[in-house]
Amino acid sequence: MKLARRLVLTTTALAAVTAGTLFSATIGQATTSKPAGADTAAPTTPKVPDSLKVPDGNRLTGVFSAKGVQVYTCTDGAWKLLEPAATLSAKNDKSHRPIALHSRGPVWVSTVDGSAVNAAALATSPKPGTIPELLLQSTATRGTGVFAGVSYIQRLSTQGGVAPTTACTGTEQVSVPYSAIYTFYKPAK
């Protein structure tokens, strides 16, 4: 039953994101020569701890705001992260048009051009009362759009998303709201 409910919620969320993206494109709001999801101004990034700095030889190509949930499942009486589920929008987009989905893998998939990037965590920087900030390295990319060739990703300015501290039983699941800024880098050419 929980799986069926999750599939319905996921399908509904994807339909809403797709409809919003198509509607935005239809009314002419996506009329820029830059890649979909790219800020029109030079991207800027929040303050970054030294442990999460991207290696030299990479350039910032996208800054996105994320809102979603961290989904936890009960495993052996303790809450364990199952997956993130978030929608990303361009950081400076006041209408918050969804341009990417973030989910288990972790993976980010553009709802505009279908490009995607998978990554693995390299470093973490704990923050009190919220999920940690991260430096991730790309393990695979696909497509020719906004996520093509991404080398590094940072999860910064995190808020919320912390696992419950209460005990759990069985196969319970809980979704905890979170927000973050994700920055994407590609090799400098």
Protein backbone atom coordinates (compact mmCIF):
# COMPACT_ATOMS: atom_id res chain seq x y z
CA MET A 1 0.00 0.00 0.00
CA LYS A 2 2.83 2.41 0.87
CA LEU A 3 4.51 1.71 -2.47
CA ALA A 4 1.28 2.37 -4.37
CA ARG A 5 0.77 5.65 -2.48
CA ARG A 6 4.37 6.68 -3.18
CA LEU A 7 3.98 5.91 -6.89
CA VAL A 8 0.81 8.02 -7.03
CA LEU A 9 2.52 10.93 -5.23
CA THR A 10 5.60 10.70 -7.46
CA THR A 11 3.50 10.52 -10.63
CA THR A 12 1.41 13.49 -9.49
CA ALA A 13 4.53 15.54 -8.68
CA LEU A 14 6.13 14.71 -12.04
CA ALA A 15 2.92 15.62 -13.86
CA ALA A 16 2.77 18.97 -12.06
CA VAL A 17 6.41 19.72 -12.84
CA THR A 18 5.98 18.76 -16.50
CA ALA A 19 2.80 20.81 -16.82
CA GLY A 20 4.47 23.82 -15.19
CA THR A 21 7.49 23.52 -17.48
CA LEU A 22 5.36 23.19 -20.60
CA PHE A 23 3.13 26.08 -19.52
CA SER A 24 6.14 28.31 -18.86
CA ALA A 25 7.63 27.50 -22.24
CA THR A 26 4.27 28.05 -23.95
CA ILE A 27 3.82 31.57 -22.61
CA GLY A 28 7.28 32.52 -23.78
CA GLN A 29 9.09 32.81 -20.46
CA ALA A 30 11.91 30.53 -21.65
CA THR A 31 13.14 32.70 -24.51
CA THR A 32 16.82 32.93 -23.74
CA SER A 33 19.77 31.74 -25.78
CA LYS A 34 21.41 30.32 -22.64
CA PRO A 35 20.91 26.66 -21.76
CA ALA A 36 17.68 25.89 -19.95
CA GLY A 37 18.08 26.49 -16.24
CA ALA A 38 21.10 28.77 -16.57
CA ASP A 39 20.85 32.07 -14.73
CA THR A 40 20.97 35.07 -17.05
CA ALA A 41 23.46 36.81 -14.76
CA ALA A 42 26.79 35.24 -13.87
CA PRO A 43 26.04 32.50 -11.30
CA THR A 44 27.05 33.25 -7.75
CA THR A 45 27.46 30.79 -4.94
CA PRO A 46 26.86 31.03 -1.19
CA LYS A 47 29.78 30.93 1.26
CA VAL A 48 31.54 27.56 0.96
CA PRO A 49 33.52 25.82 3.73
CA ASP A 50 37.11 25.00 2.69
CA SER A 51 36.37 21.26 2.91
CA LEU A 52 33.69 21.61 0.19
CA LYS A 53 35.62 23.73 -2.32
CA VAL A 54 35.64 22.44 -5.88
CA PRO A 55 39.13 21.66 -7.23
CA ASP A 56 40.83 24.16 -9.53
CA GLY A 57 40.16 23.60 -13.21
CA ASN A 58 36.36 23.65 -12.85
CA ARG A 59 33.95 26.52 -13.50
CA LEU A 60 30.57 27.29 -11.98
CA THR A 61 27.79 26.71 -14.52
CA GLY A 62 24.57 26.66 -12.51
CA VAL A 63 23.11 27.72 -9.18
CA PHE A 64 19.73 26.24 -8.26
CA SER A 65 17.38 26.53 -5.29
CA ALA A 66 15.90 23.23 -4.12
CA LYS A 67 12.81 22.50 -2.08
CA GLY A 68 11.69 19.02 -1.21
CA VAL A 69 11.96 16.26 1.36
CA GLN A 70 14.49 13.84 2.74
CA VAL A 71 12.70 10.47 2.97
CA TYR A 72 13.74 8.23 5.86
CA THR A 73 12.80 4.59 6.41
CA CYS A 74 12.90 2.53 9.58
CA THR A 75 15.73 0.00 9.45
CA ASP A 76 16.54 -2.13 12.48
CA GLY A 77 14.73 0.34 14.77
CA ALA A 78 16.55 3.45 13.50
CA TRP A 79 15.78 6.05 10.83
CA LYS A 80 18.00 5.69 7.73
CA LEU A 81 18.00 7.95 4.66
CA LEU A 82 16.10 6.32 1.80
CA GLU A 83 16.14 9.13 -0.76
CA PRO A 84 15.85 12.82 -1.42
CA ALA A 85 12.92 14.11 -3.47
CA ALA A 86 13.26 17.75 -4.51
CA THR A 87 12.45 20.20 -7.26
CA LEU A 88 15.14 22.64 -8.41
CA SER A 89 14.57 26.08 -9.90
CA ALA A 90 16.97 28.75 -11.06
CA LYS A 91 18.16 30.60 -7.94
CA ASN A 92 17.05 34.01 -9.22
CA ASP A 93 13.73 32.86 -10.73
CA LYS A 94 11.00 34.51 -8.63
CA SER A 95 8.31 32.25 -10.16
CA HIS A 96 10.26 29.11 -9.08
CA ARG A 97 9.66 27.31 -12.39
CA PRO A 98 10.87 23.74 -11.89
CA ILE A 99 13.81 22.92 -14.13
CA ALA A 100 15.13 19.74 -12.51
CA LEU A 101 14.18 16.89 -10.21
CA HIS A 102 16.53 15.46 -7.59
CA SER A 103 16.10 11.88 -6.37
CA ARG A 104 17.77 8.69 -5.20
CA GLY A 105 21.16 7.96 -6.67
CA PRO A 106 21.68 10.81 -6.06
CA VAL A 107 20.62 12.00 -9.50
CA TRP A 108 19.49 15.33 -10.93
CA VAL A 109 17.37 15.23 -14.11
CA SER A 110 16.47 18.31 -16.13
CA THR A 111 12.73 18.59 -16.79
CA VAL A 112 13.56 20.96 -19.65
CA ASP A 113 16.11 19.05 -21.74
CA GLY A 114 16.34 15.55 -20.21
CA SER A 115 20.03 15.80 -19.34
CA ALA A 116 21.08 14.16 -16.06
CA VAL A 117 23.97 13.79 -13.65
CA ASN A 118 24.63 11.11 -11.02
CA ALA A 119 27.09 11.80 -8.23
CA ALA A 120 28.74 10.43 -5.10
CA ALA A 121 29.61 12.37 -1.94
CA LEU A 122 33.29 13.28 -1.49
CA ALA A 123 33.12 15.52 1.58
CA THR A 124 30.62 16.64 4.17
CA SER A 125 30.38 19.70 6.40
CA PRO A 126 27.99 19.30 9.35
CA LYS A 127 25.61 22.12 10.27
CA PRO A 128 23.68 22.20 13.56
CA GLY A 129 19.95 21.51 13.19
CA THR A 130 20.02 20.68 9.49
CA ILE A 131 21.36 18.13 7.04
CA PRO A 132 25.06 18.61 6.24
CA GLU A 133 26.43 20.53 3.30
CA LEU A 134 28.14 18.30 0.72
CA LEU A 135 30.70 18.20 -2.06
CA LEU A 136 29.79 15.56 -4.65
CA GLN A 137 31.68 14.33 -7.69
CA SER A 138 29.92 13.29 -10.86
CA THR A 139 29.91 9.55 -11.58
CA ALA A 140 27.94 9.79 -14.86
CA THR A 141 26.15 12.30 -17.05
CA ARG A 142 23.76 11.94 -19.96
CA GLY A 143 22.40 14.24 -22.62
CA THR A 144 23.60 17.49 -24.07
CA GLY A 145 21.68 19.93 -21.88
CA VAL A 146 22.30 21.78 -18.63
CA PHE A 147 23.77 18.75 -16.78
CA ALA A 148 25.99 17.50 -19.63
CA GLY A 149 29.61 17.27 -18.55
CA VAL A 150 29.00 18.25 -14.91
CA SER A 151 32.07 17.38 -12.82
CA TYR A 152 31.18 18.54 -9.29
CA ILE A 153 28.09 19.49 -7.29
CA GLN A 154 27.83 21.30 -3.97
CA ARG A 155 24.83 21.15 -1.61
CA LEU A 156 24.95 24.41 0.34
CA SER A 157 22.77 26.59 2.58
CA THR A 158 20.85 23.57 3.83
CA GLN A 159 17.78 23.98 6.02
CA GLY A 160 15.78 21.15 7.62
CA GLY A 161 15.74 17.55 6.41
CA VAL A 162 17.10 16.02 9.63
CA ALA A 163 16.06 12.45 10.48
CA PRO A 164 13.66 12.06 13.40
CA THR A 165 15.25 11.28 16.74
CA THR A 166 12.32 9.14 17.85
CA ALA A 167 12.37 5.35 17.76
CA CYS A 168 10.69 3.58 14.87
CA THR A 169 9.32 0.12 14.16
CA GLY A 170 8.63 -2.04 11.17
CA THR A 171 8.98 -0.41 7.77
CA GLU A 172 7.69 3.05 8.63
CA GLN A 173 8.68 5.95 6.39
CA VAL A 174 8.73 9.67 7.06
CA SER A 175 9.38 12.66 4.80
CA VAL A 176 11.14 15.66 6.33
CA PRO A 177 11.01 19.00 4.42
CA TYR A 178 14.33 20.57 3.44
CA SER A 179 15.75 23.27 1.22
CA ALA A 180 19.23 23.86 -0.16
CA ILE A 181 21.23 25.58 -2.87
CA TYR A 182 22.86 23.23 -5.39
CA THR A 183 25.79 24.50 -7.44
CA PHE A 184 27.00 22.67 -10.55
CA TYR A 185 30.49 22.82 -12.06
CA LYS A 186 32.00 21.70 -15.34
CA PRO A 187 35.66 21.40 -16.33
CA ALA A 188 37.11 24.74 -17.47
CA LYS A 189 38.14 24.60 -21.09
